[in-house]
Amino acid sequence: MSLLGKTKKYLTVLFVSCVLYASAAFTGNVVTAQPAQTAPTILVDGKQTTTPDWQRDTKIIEYGQHYINTLKNYPDGYQIQYPSAMWLDVSLSPVRTTLADDNTRVEIYYQPLNTSPEAYVNYGNSPITTGKDKVQIIKNSSERVNGLLTRQLWWVRPQLNRVANDKNVYVSVDIIVNQREIYSLHFKSNSLEILNNLVPQMVNSFSVIPKQGRAVYSLPQSNERNFPLSEAAEELLNQYFKGEEQHWGIYEYSFPTEPQYLLNLEKQLDYTFDFVLYYSNLNKVPIKEILEQAHQYNRVVELTLQMIGSGEDFTRPKTYDILNGVYDQFLINYAKEVKAFGKPVLFRLNNEMNGDWCSYSAYHSSKDANLYVEVWRYIYKIFKEQGVDNALWVWNPHDTSFPDFKWNYPACYYPGDEYVDIIGLTGYNTGTYYPGEKWRGFTEIYDPLYQENMEMFPHKPFMITEFGTNHYGGNKNAWIKEAFAKMKNYPNIKVMIWWNGIDWDGQVPARTYRFDMNQADIKAVREGLQQYPKANKAE
């Protein structure tokens, strides 16, 4: 039977259904259905109020006949009708506005373009249309709606038995306003019948209105964990992430299995790094043994698990398989090893997910960042069931999204406060080895990155999970000095890990992030570390 044949069937027609609730109540950042009323609901900066403020993030919900609401989104410049039974989420307003009910979810993105509309649509849909994303296409069409060229792609992916009420039927609608603006409507549902009725009516109701004000984030904020940390992990969190001090770490590929190189480097630096970075993937390695080796040298490990294989399997997406239980035993065994180690670990799962070089990016899985969230929460649940209370969870996008489309922005991938202990930042100066690359200074990268994350997550501690600079295209030594001099401008960054490695172009070093290639750079790092009076000095 085809994937489409397996899809759940419902006879619901949302736009004409007899809905008992037609107005809205505001709870947190979500407007939910309530008994009918006629007065519009006004939201400013994510909060219900009585008066619009056209300089700020104003959205208005108007209540019409036949249980149809009209949403007017002024910062993004559009209005659209939707069934009154749907609730509205504006918490990620600079990125998207979400409408949803128990069966269906609609995400609306306003996308300014730095490429052509055709390139935006074709690149975003490429894994689906080329068959790399293992889905079944229902329809791929172009038509004019209300005078605007509209591209529609309909598909169904395999159902995922680890996802409650899985919504596996999708429609991506791209409404081209002009060569520099596009609106993307992403629908997903557990019923093709629902989308057959909902999509045409919502798309036909869409229209552009003058833009006013500026969108802002209004995420709820909590530091309540899904389950308690061990005493030792809580102590580490307090010691390193809740105080005033900043601490340094390093990635050195030979450590901890061959520790001598790092130990010798630290003697040159007159500094012992508190944190080290270690990568793991689906290839089985003795995690407990690795962690214990690092602990012999009093290092806290930033343990990275990337759900990828190796060789030909490296690029094959695993998201659907994970959420169908294919890797359950691997994950259970992995969690048991972390638990058996017992001491605190920084656990970083599937980092840089907003880059299409990662097979767990939404780009490779139905353009659906919610599936990344499902994977995160599912693995978190496995760790919880295995009693892994010694892991601090680090959520870590890349500073630059690729593709640089809003449906691929970091905020779309956030699993929720109760599943995240630390916000990870990553931004590299890649240099100019490859065509089209640009030399970026340290503050050029981290000023905007820090500011945006402080707008979203001021209640969470930050760490730079990995960073560095190439030497192609600029002055590496000056960049290093700038990094050490300016780091204290970001007080919510508590731990910084230098990635002391090389990205290769075949046999050629394309991006040399190592600082130990010459004495001048070593000296710059040594002098930079001495600016941190609480540093763990090497004996």
Protein backbone atom coordinates (compact mmCIF):
# COMPACT_ATOMS: atom_id res chain seq x y z
CA MET A 1 0.00 0.00 0.00
CA SER A 2 1.22 3.51 -0.78
CA LEU A 3 2.07 6.02 1.92
CA LEU A 4 -1.01 7.97 0.87
CA GLY A 5 -3.16 4.89 1.31
CA LYS A 6 -1.95 4.54 4.88
CA THR A 7 -2.92 8.10 5.79
CA LYS A 8 -5.75 8.47 8.29
CA LYS A 9 -9.08 9.44 6.76
CA TYR A 10 -11.39 12.00 8.30
CA LEU A 11 -14.54 13.61 6.96
CA THR A 12 -14.04 16.84 8.86
CA VAL A 13 -14.47 20.01 6.86
CA LEU A 14 -12.98 22.62 9.15
CA PHE A 15 -14.29 25.75 7.54
CA VAL A 16 -17.94 24.73 7.75
CA SER A 17 -17.90 22.51 10.82
CA CYS A 18 -20.19 23.31 13.73
CA VAL A 19 -17.69 24.79 16.14
CA LEU A 20 -18.97 25.93 19.52
CA TYR A 21 -16.07 28.29 20.16
CA ALA A 22 -15.44 31.29 18.01
CA SER A 23 -13.44 33.87 19.94
CA ALA A 24 -10.17 33.95 21.80
CA ALA A 25 -8.66 33.85 25.26
CA PHE A 26 -5.02 34.76 25.76
CA THR A 27 -2.91 32.28 27.72
CA GLY A 28 0.80 33.04 27.76
CA ASN A 29 1.67 33.55 24.10
CA VAL A 30 -1.17 31.44 22.71
CA VAL A 31 -4.67 32.63 21.81
CA THR A 32 -7.12 29.77 22.36
CA ALA A 33 -10.74 29.24 21.35
CA GLN A 34 -13.45 30.57 23.70
CA PRO A 35 -17.22 31.19 23.49
CA ALA A 36 -18.24 33.56 20.69
CA GLN A 37 -17.79 37.32 20.91
CA THR A 38 -17.69 40.20 18.44
CA ALA A 39 -14.98 42.52 19.79
CA PRO A 40 -11.58 41.89 18.15
CA THR A 41 -8.62 40.60 20.14
CA ILE A 42 -5.59 42.92 20.03
CA LEU A 43 -2.09 41.62 20.75
CA VAL A 44 0.92 43.92 21.18
CA ASP A 45 4.35 42.32 21.67
CA GLY A 46 2.64 39.01 22.41
CA LYS A 47 0.33 40.39 25.12
CA GLN A 48 -3.38 41.06 24.94
CA THR A 49 -4.31 44.73 25.22
CA THR A 50 -7.12 47.12 24.30
CA THR A 51 -5.30 49.48 21.92
CA PRO A 52 -3.04 48.80 18.92
CA ASP A 53 0.47 50.25 18.92
CA TRP A 54 1.57 50.60 15.31
CA GLN A 55 5.23 51.08 16.26
CA ARG A 56 5.33 47.68 17.96
CA ASP A 57 4.34 44.09 17.20
CA THR A 58 0.58 44.41 16.71
CA LYS A 59 -1.69 41.58 15.64
CA ILE A 60 -5.48 41.70 15.55
CA ILE A 61 -7.98 38.84 15.45
CA GLU A 62 -11.39 39.71 14.02
CA TYR A 63 -14.35 37.36 14.45
CA GLY A 64 -16.65 36.80 11.50
CA GLN A 65 -19.57 34.62 10.56
CA HIS A 66 -19.53 30.85 10.07
CA TYR A 67 -16.87 30.45 12.78
CA ILE A 68 -14.18 32.07 10.67
CA ASN A 69 -11.57 34.39 12.20
CA THR A 70 -9.35 36.88 10.38
CA LEU A 71 -5.78 37.34 11.58
CA LYS A 72 -4.11 40.65 10.71
CA ASN A 73 -0.34 40.46 11.17
CA TYR A 74 0.93 44.02 10.81
CA PRO A 75 4.74 43.58 11.16
CA ASP A 76 4.67 40.89 8.45
CA GLY A 77 2.07 42.70 6.34
CA TYR A 78 -0.68 40.15 5.70
CA GLN A 79 -4.15 39.06 6.70
CA ILE A 80 -5.62 35.57 6.47
CA GLN A 81 -8.79 33.75 7.49
CA TYR A 82 -8.75 30.56 9.54
CA PRO A 83 -11.18 28.30 11.45
CA SER A 84 -12.07 29.74 14.83
CA ALA A 85 -11.34 26.38 16.49
CA MET A 86 -7.63 26.93 15.87
CA TRP A 87 -5.38 28.53 18.46
CA LEU A 88 -2.77 31.14 17.62
CA ASP A 89 0.89 31.09 18.75
CA VAL A 90 2.86 34.33 18.31
CA SER A 91 5.84 33.50 20.55
CA LEU A 92 8.24 33.31 17.56
CA SER A 93 6.80 36.35 15.82
CA PRO A 94 10.07 37.49 14.10
CA VAL A 95 10.22 34.05 12.47
CA ARG A 96 6.69 32.70 12.10
CA THR A 97 3.09 32.77 13.29
CA THR A 98 1.42 29.43 14.01
CA LEU A 99 -2.22 28.36 13.85
CA ALA A 100 -3.16 24.90 15.06
CA ASP A 101 -5.75 22.51 16.42
CA ASP A 102 -5.52 18.86 17.40
CA ASN A 103 -5.44 17.65 13.79
CA THR A 104 -3.66 20.36 11.84
CA ARG A 105 -0.84 22.88 12.15
CA VAL A 106 -0.24 25.91 9.91
CA GLU A 107 2.99 27.92 10.05
CA ILE A 108 3.12 31.27 8.22
CA TYR A 109 6.48 32.80 7.28
CA TYR A 110 7.17 36.19 5.73
CA GLN A 111 10.42 35.79 3.80
CA PRO A 112 12.43 38.74 2.45
CA LEU A 113 14.58 37.36 -0.34
CA ASN A 114 18.25 37.77 -1.18
CA THR A 115 17.80 35.34 -4.06
CA SER A 116 15.12 34.83 -6.69
CA PRO A 117 11.70 33.42 -5.73
CA GLU A 118 12.38 30.47 -8.03
CA ALA A 119 15.67 29.69 -6.28
CA TYR A 120 14.00 29.95 -2.86
CA VAL A 121 11.20 27.57 -3.78
CA ASN A 122 13.27 25.12 -5.78
CA TYR A 123 16.11 24.83 -3.27
CA GLY A 124 13.79 24.47 -0.30
CA ASN A 125 11.75 21.76 -2.01
CA SER A 126 14.70 19.99 -3.63
CA PRO A 127 15.04 16.99 -1.26
CA ILE A 128 11.32 16.30 -1.74
CA THR A 129 11.11 16.80 -5.50
CA THR A 130 14.33 14.87 -6.23
CA GLY A 131 13.32 11.88 -4.10
CA LYS A 132 16.13 12.25 -1.57
CA ASP A 133 13.52 12.78 1.13
CA LYS A 134 11.66 9.47 1.05
CA VAL A 135 8.14 10.82 0.71
CA GLN A 136 5.28 10.44 -1.76
CA ILE A 137 4.40 13.56 -3.76
CA ILE A 138 0.67 14.15 -4.18
CA LYS A 139 0.76 17.32 -6.25
CA ASN A 140 3.29 19.90 -7.45
CA SER A 141 1.68 22.88 -9.16
CA SER A 142 1.76 26.60 -9.92
CA GLU A 143 -1.29 28.84 -10.22
CA ARG A 144 -2.35 32.43 -9.74
CA VAL A 145 -4.44 33.16 -6.67
CA ASN A 146 -5.81 36.69 -6.28
CA GLY A 147 -3.30 37.81 -8.90
CA LEU A 148 -0.25 36.35 -7.11
CA LEU A 149 1.79 33.43 -8.44
CA THR A 150 1.45 30.59 -5.96
CA ARG A 151 3.55 27.43 -5.86
CA GLN A 152 2.06 24.41 -4.08
CA LEU A 153 3.75 21.14 -3.17
CA TRP A 154 1.68 18.40 -1.51
CA TRP A 155 3.24 15.24 -0.08
CA VAL A 156 2.90 12.51 2.52
CA ARG A 157 5.78 10.99 4.48
CA PRO A 158 5.90 7.69 6.40
CA GLN A 159 3.97 7.69 9.64
CA LEU A 160 6.13 7.75 12.78
CA ASN A 161 5.03 5.40 15.54
CA ARG A 162 6.99 7.22 18.25
CA VAL A 163 5.11 10.49 17.59
CA ALA A 164 1.71 10.92 19.21
CA ASN A 165 -0.98 12.04 16.77
CA ASP A 166 1.57 12.17 13.96
CA LYS A 167 0.72 14.67 11.24
CA ASN A 168 2.32 13.20 8.14
CA VAL A 169 0.44 14.95 5.32
CA TYR A 170 2.03 18.21 4.18
CA VAL A 171 1.36 21.15 1.92
CA SER A 172 3.94 23.86 1.27
CA VAL A 173 2.43 26.98 -0.30
CA ASP A 174 4.72 29.78 -1.49
CA ILE A 175 2.94 33.02 -2.41
CA ILE A 176 5.22 35.22 -4.52
CA VAL A 177 4.49 38.92 -3.93
CA ASN A 178 7.42 40.25 -5.93
CA GLN A 179 11.04 39.39 -6.69
CA ARG A 180 12.09 40.30 -3.14
CA GLU A 181 9.19 39.06 -0.99
CA ILE A 182 7.47 35.74 -0.53
CA TYR A 183 5.06 34.28 2.01
CA SER A 184 5.37 30.59 2.86
CA LEU A 185 2.47 28.70 4.40
CA HIS A 186 3.42 25.28 5.75
CA PHE A 187 0.47 22.97 6.48
CA LYS A 188 0.67 19.57 8.16
CA SER A 189 -2.19 17.35 9.23
CA ASN A 190 -3.19 13.80 10.09
CA SER A 191 -5.84 13.96 7.35
CA LEU A 192 -5.64 14.67 3.63
CA GLU A 193 -9.37 15.49 3.62
CA ILE A 194 -8.81 18.28 6.11
CA LEU A 195 -6.08 19.81 3.96
CA ASN A 196 -8.14 19.42 0.78
CA ASN A 197 -10.70 21.77 2.34
CA LEU A 198 -8.49 23.96 4.51
CA VAL A 199 -5.64 24.85 2.15
CA PRO A 200 -7.64 26.36 -0.76
CA GLN A 201 -9.82 28.45 1.54
CA MET A 202 -6.94 29.81 3.62
CA VAL A 203 -4.83 30.52 0.54
CA ASN A 204 -7.74 32.26 -1.22
CA SER A 205 -8.34 34.41 1.87
CA PHE A 206 -4.71 35.57 2.06
CA SER A 207 -3.91 39.16 1.14
CA VAL A 208 -1.09 41.64 1.68
CA ILE A 209 -1.62 44.69 3.91
CA PRO A 210 0.76 47.60 4.70
CA LYS A 211 3.51 46.64 7.14
CA GLN A 212 3.61 48.45 10.48
CA GLY A 213 5.73 47.93 13.59
CA ARG A 214 8.44 45.39 14.40
CA ALA A 215 8.01 41.73 15.34
CA VAL A 216 9.46 40.63 18.70
CA TYR A 217 9.93 37.31 20.48
CA SER A 218 7.61 36.55 23.39
CA LEU A 219 8.68 33.05 24.41
CA PRO A 220 7.59 31.79 27.82
CA GLN A 221 10.54 31.50 30.21
CA SER A 222 11.17 28.74 32.73
CA ASN A 223 14.14 26.97 34.30
CA GLU A 224 12.07 24.03 35.54
CA ARG A 225 13.60 20.79 34.26
CA ASN A 226 11.64 17.81 33.05
CA PHE A 227 13.34 15.78 35.80
CA PRO A 228 15.88 16.63 38.54
CA LEU A 229 19.66 16.68 38.09
CA SER A 230 22.04 14.72 40.26
CA GLU A 231 23.65 16.64 43.08
CA ALA A 232 27.00 16.67 41.25
CA ALA A 233 25.46 17.91 37.99
CA GLU A 234 23.56 20.62 39.85
CA GLU A 235 26.81 21.65 41.52
CA LEU A 236 28.59 21.88 38.16
CA LEU A 237 25.73 23.94 36.74
CA ASN A 238 25.99 26.35 39.65
CA GLN A 239 29.79 26.51 39.63
CA TYR A 240 30.35 27.13 35.94
CA PHE A 241 27.09 28.52 34.56
CA LYS A 242 25.49 30.63 37.27
CA GLY A 243 28.43 32.67 38.53
CA GLU A 244 30.18 35.75 37.19
CA GLU A 245 33.28 34.00 35.83
CA GLN A 246 33.98 32.73 32.33
CA HIS A 247 35.83 29.47 31.71
CA TRP A 248 37.71 28.06 28.74
CA GLY A 249 37.74 24.71 27.01
CA ILE A 250 39.27 23.17 23.91
CA TYR A 251 38.68 20.61 21.20
CA GLU A 252 41.83 18.65 20.47
CA TYR A 253 41.07 15.57 18.37
CA SER A 254 43.67 13.35 20.07
CA PHE A 255 42.29 13.89 23.58
CA PRO A 256 41.51 11.95 25.73
CA THR A 257 42.64 8.71 24.04
CA GLU A 258 46.09 10.22 23.37
CA PRO A 259 46.37 12.99 25.97
CA GLN A 260 50.02 13.96 25.72
CA TYR A 261 49.74 16.50 22.92
CA LEU A 262 47.15 18.56 24.78
CA LEU A 263 49.10 18.33 28.03
CA ASN A 264 52.21 19.65 26.28
CA LEU A 265 50.22 22.45 24.62
CA GLU A 266 48.81 23.49 27.98
CA LYS A 267 52.32 23.80 29.37
CA GLN A 268 53.11 26.25 26.57
CA LEU A 269 49.94 28.17 27.42
CA ASP A 270 50.44 28.01 31.19
CA TYR A 271 46.79 27.04 31.41
CA THR A 272 44.71 23.92 31.97
CA PHE A 273 41.39 23.84 30.14
CA ASP A 274 38.41 22.88 32.29
CA PHE A 275 36.34 21.59 29.38
CA VAL A 276 37.07 19.34 26.40
CA LEU A 277 34.90 18.50 23.41
CA TYR A 278 34.32 14.95 22.20
CA TYR A 279 32.23 13.79 19.20
CA SER A 280 30.27 10.56 18.91
CA ASN A 281 27.82 9.20 16.35
CA LEU A 282 26.00 5.98 15.50
CA ASN A 283 29.27 4.07 15.25
CA LYS A 284 29.62 2.35 18.59
CA VAL A 285 32.44 3.66 20.78
CA PRO A 286 33.10 3.02 24.48
CA ILE A 287 31.52 6.24 25.76
CA LYS A 288 31.98 5.40 29.42
CA GLU A 289 35.66 4.66 28.85
CA ILE A 290 36.15 7.94 26.96
CA LEU A 291 34.49 9.92 29.73
CA GLU A 292 36.56 8.20 32.39
CA GLN A 293 39.79 8.89 30.50
CA ALA A 294 38.93 12.59 30.38
CA HIS A 295 38.00 12.56 34.06
CA GLN A 296 41.47 11.23 34.95
CA TYR A 297 42.70 14.67 33.87
CA ASN A 298 39.88 16.50 35.71
CA ARG A 299 38.13 17.59 32.52
CA VAL A 300 34.42 18.07 32.01
CA VAL A 301 33.40 16.65 28.63
CA GLU A 302 31.10 18.35 26.18
CA LEU A 303 29.83 15.05 24.82
CA THR A 304 28.35 15.52 21.37
CA LEU A 305 26.06 12.91 19.86
CA GLN A 306 25.27 13.38 16.19
CA MET A 307 22.73 10.88 14.91
CA ILE A 308 24.68 10.14 11.74
CA GLY A 309 26.56 7.17 10.36
CA SER A 310 29.85 7.07 8.50
CA GLY A 311 30.99 6.45 4.95
CA GLU A 312 28.08 6.20 2.51
CA ASP A 313 25.68 6.26 5.46
CA PHE A 314 26.92 9.68 6.60
CA THR A 315 24.44 11.73 4.56
CA ARG A 316 21.39 9.47 4.90
CA PRO A 317 18.83 11.18 7.17
CA LYS A 318 17.87 9.16 10.24
CA THR A 319 15.01 11.30 11.57
CA TYR A 320 12.19 9.04 10.37
CA ASP A 321 14.02 5.92 11.54
CA ILE A 322 14.69 7.36 15.00
CA LEU A 323 11.02 8.19 15.42
CA ASN A 324 10.07 4.68 14.31
CA GLY A 325 12.25 3.11 17.00
CA VAL A 326 15.02 1.80 14.73
CA TYR A 327 17.75 3.17 17.01
CA ASP A 328 16.08 2.51 20.35
CA GLN A 329 18.62 -0.06 21.51
CA PHE A 330 21.56 2.10 20.49
CA LEU A 331 20.12 5.04 22.41
CA ILE A 332 19.30 2.94 25.48
CA ASN A 333 22.84 1.55 25.56
CA TYR A 334 24.30 5.02 25.05
CA ALA A 335 22.22 6.42 27.89
CA LYS A 336 23.27 3.55 30.15
CA GLU A 337 26.95 4.32 29.52
CA VAL A 338 26.48 7.99 30.38
CA LYS A 339 24.60 6.99 33.52
CA ALA A 340 27.27 4.44 34.48
CA PHE A 341 29.95 7.12 34.24
CA GLY A 342 28.02 8.97 36.92
CA LYS A 343 29.88 12.26 36.88
CA PRO A 344 28.54 15.43 35.22
CA VAL A 345 28.58 15.67 31.43
CA LEU A 346 27.55 18.42 29.03
CA PHE A 347 25.41 16.51 26.54
CA ARG A 348 25.07 18.19 23.14
CA LEU A 349 22.65 16.48 20.76
CA ASN A 350 22.49 17.02 16.98
CA ASN A 351 24.20 20.41 16.88
CA GLU A 352 24.12 22.84 13.92
CA MET A 353 20.74 21.45 12.92
CA ASN A 354 19.94 24.60 10.92
CA GLY A 355 22.67 23.76 8.42
CA ASP A 356 21.86 21.55 5.44
CA TRP A 357 25.24 19.82 5.87
CA CYS A 358 23.58 18.00 8.79
CA SER A 359 21.35 15.12 7.73
CA TYR A 360 19.14 15.77 10.76
CA SER A 361 18.27 19.27 9.50
CA ALA A 362 14.63 19.95 8.64
CA TYR A 363 15.87 20.52 5.09
CA HIS A 364 16.15 16.73 4.74
CA SER A 365 12.92 15.82 6.58
CA SER A 366 9.82 17.42 5.04
CA LYS A 367 10.97 20.97 5.88
CA ASP A 368 9.62 20.20 9.35
CA ALA A 369 11.74 21.45 12.26
CA ASN A 370 9.14 20.03 14.63
CA LEU A 371 10.51 16.58 13.81
CA TYR A 372 13.88 17.68 15.20
CA VAL A 373 12.03 18.68 18.37
CA GLU A 374 10.33 15.28 18.45
CA VAL A 375 13.71 13.53 18.14
CA TRP A 376 15.19 15.66 20.92
CA ARG A 377 12.30 15.00 23.29
CA TYR A 378 12.25 11.30 22.41
CA ILE A 379 15.96 10.86 23.18
CA TYR A 380 15.51 12.97 26.31
CA LYS A 381 12.73 10.57 27.36
CA ILE A 382 15.04 7.57 26.86
CA PHE A 383 17.73 9.21 28.99
CA LYS A 384 15.14 9.98 31.66
CA GLU A 385 13.91 6.37 31.66
CA GLN A 386 17.50 5.19 32.12
CA GLY A 387 17.98 7.57 35.04
CA VAL A 388 20.58 9.78 33.35
CA ASP A 389 20.53 12.65 35.82
CA ASN A 390 24.20 13.57 35.34
CA ALA A 391 23.77 15.10 31.85
CA LEU A 392 23.27 18.83 31.26
CA TRP A 393 21.53 19.23 27.91
CA VAL A 394 23.07 21.75 25.50
CA TRP A 395 20.98 22.95 22.55
CA ASN A 396 23.23 24.36 19.84
CA PRO A 397 22.31 25.81 16.42
CA HIS A 398 24.80 27.43 14.06
CA ASP A 399 24.92 31.22 13.86
CA THR A 400 24.16 31.13 10.13
CA SER A 401 21.22 29.13 8.81
CA PHE A 402 21.66 27.38 5.50
CA PRO A 403 19.42 27.59 3.68
CA ASP A 404 18.90 31.05 5.16
CA PHE A 405 15.12 30.67 5.13
CA LYS A 406 12.95 31.40 8.13
CA TRP A 407 11.49 27.90 8.28
CA ASN A 408 15.09 26.79 8.92
CA TYR A 409 15.91 29.42 11.59
CA PRO A 410 17.24 28.21 14.97
CA ALA A 411 14.13 29.22 16.93
CA CYS A 412 12.05 26.69 14.97
CA TYR A 413 14.19 23.90 16.41
CA TYR A 414 13.96 24.83 20.10
CA PRO A 415 12.72 21.81 22.12
CA GLY A 416 11.38 23.85 25.05
CA ASP A 417 12.81 25.14 28.32
CA GLU A 418 12.19 21.97 30.31
CA TYR A 419 14.40 19.99 27.90
CA VAL A 420 17.33 22.43 27.69
CA ASP A 421 19.80 23.46 30.39
CA ILE A 422 22.30 25.51 28.38
CA ILE A 423 22.07 27.48 25.13
CA GLY A 424 25.00 26.72 22.84
CA LEU A 425 26.38 29.33 20.44
CA THR A 426 28.55 28.50 17.45
CA GLY A 427 29.97 30.99 14.97
CA TYR A 428 33.18 30.49 13.00
CA ASN A 429 35.25 32.87 10.94
CA THR A 430 35.62 30.47 8.03
CA GLY A 431 37.94 32.81 6.13
CA THR A 432 37.91 33.01 2.35
CA TYR A 433 39.29 29.69 1.10
CA TYR A 434 36.07 28.85 -0.73
CA PRO A 435 34.45 31.21 -3.29
CA GLY A 436 31.73 33.37 -1.80
CA GLU A 437 33.06 33.21 1.76
CA LYS A 438 33.65 36.36 3.77
CA TRP A 439 36.16 37.17 6.51
CA ARG A 440 34.20 37.96 9.67
CA GLY A 441 35.59 39.54 12.81
CA PHE A 442 34.84 38.09 16.23
CA THR A 443 32.41 40.81 17.28
CA GLU A 444 30.88 40.85 13.80
CA ILE A 445 29.82 37.26 14.52
CA TYR A 446 29.02 37.36 18.21
CA ASP A 447 27.40 40.78 18.71
CA PRO A 448 24.24 39.89 16.75
CA LEU A 449 24.32 36.23 17.82
CA TYR A 450 24.46 37.14 21.50
CA GLN A 451 21.80 39.83 21.18
CA GLU A 452 19.27 37.59 19.42
CA ASN A 453 19.73 34.76 21.90
CA MET A 454 19.40 37.15 24.82
CA GLU A 455 16.08 38.28 23.34
CA MET A 456 14.86 34.68 23.27
CA PHE A 457 16.61 33.04 26.22
CA PRO A 458 17.71 35.62 28.82
CA HIS A 459 16.91 33.10 31.56
CA LYS A 460 19.32 30.42 30.30
CA PRO A 461 23.13 30.37 30.57
CA PHE A 462 25.10 30.36 27.31
CA MET A 463 28.28 28.67 26.19
CA ILE A 464 30.26 28.84 22.97
CA THR A 465 30.34 25.14 22.23
CA GLU A 466 32.97 25.49 19.52
CA PHE A 467 34.51 28.37 17.61
CA GLY A 468 37.68 29.52 15.89
CA THR A 469 39.15 31.40 12.97
CA ASN A 470 40.80 30.46 9.72
CA HIS A 471 43.89 32.31 8.48
CA TYR A 472 42.82 32.63 4.81
CA GLY A 473 41.59 36.13 4.07
CA GLY A 474 42.72 38.16 7.06
CA ASN A 475 44.85 38.52 10.18
CA LYS A 476 44.32 35.46 12.35
CA ASN A 477 46.49 36.77 15.18
CA ALA A 478 44.45 39.97 15.43
CA TRP A 479 41.24 37.93 15.40
CA ILE A 480 42.45 35.84 18.34
CA LYS A 481 43.33 38.95 20.32
CA GLU A 482 39.94 40.47 19.56
CA ALA A 483 38.16 37.32 20.76
CA PHE A 484 39.90 37.34 24.13
CA ALA A 485 39.54 41.09 24.56
CA LYS A 486 35.83 41.21 23.69
CA MET A 487 34.59 37.98 25.27
CA LYS A 488 33.81 39.75 28.55
CA ASN A 489 31.28 41.91 26.70
CA TYR A 490 29.02 38.85 26.73
CA PRO A 491 28.51 38.11 30.43
CA ASN A 492 25.87 35.44 29.84
CA ILE A 493 28.45 33.33 27.97
CA LYS A 494 29.93 31.24 30.76
CA VAL A 495 32.09 28.69 28.90
CA MET A 496 33.99 29.07 25.61
CA ILE A 497 35.52 26.14 23.71
CA TRP A 498 38.14 26.75 21.00
CA TRP A 499 37.91 24.25 18.16
CA ASN A 500 41.58 23.43 17.60
CA GLY A 501 41.20 21.50 14.38
CA ILE A 502 41.15 21.64 10.58
CA ASP A 503 38.39 21.38 7.96
CA TRP A 504 39.85 19.62 4.95
CA ASP A 505 39.22 20.02 1.23
CA GLY A 506 40.35 16.55 0.23
CA GLN A 507 44.00 16.54 1.28
CA VAL A 508 44.21 20.35 1.46
CA PRO A 509 43.58 22.24 4.73
CA ALA A 510 40.73 24.58 3.73
CA ARG A 511 39.99 26.01 7.16
CA THR A 512 42.79 25.85 9.67
CA TYR A 513 41.26 26.76 13.01
CA ARG A 514 44.26 25.56 14.99
CA PHE A 515 46.05 28.24 17.01
CA ASP A 516 49.16 26.11 17.56
CA MET A 517 50.59 26.38 14.03
CA ASN A 518 53.01 29.18 14.95
CA GLN A 519 54.45 30.77 18.08
CA ALA A 520 52.80 34.15 17.49
CA ASP A 521 49.30 32.65 17.70
CA ILE A 522 50.22 30.51 20.71
CA LYS A 523 51.51 33.65 22.41
CA ALA A 524 48.26 35.50 21.63
CA VAL A 525 46.22 32.68 23.19
CA ARG A 526 48.51 32.43 26.21
CA GLU A 527 48.28 36.15 26.87
CA GLY A 528 44.52 36.08 26.31
CA LEU A 529 44.02 33.32 28.86
CA GLN A 530 45.93 35.28 31.48
CA GLN A 531 43.20 37.93 31.39
CA TYR A 532 40.98 35.46 33.22
CA PRO A 533 42.14 35.66 36.86
CA LYS A 534 40.19 32.60 37.97
CA ALA A 535 41.76 30.42 35.29
CA ASN A 536 42.80 26.92 36.25
CA LYS A 537 46.56 27.45 35.93
CA ALA A 538 48.67 24.55 34.74
CA GLU A 539 51.31 23.41 37.20
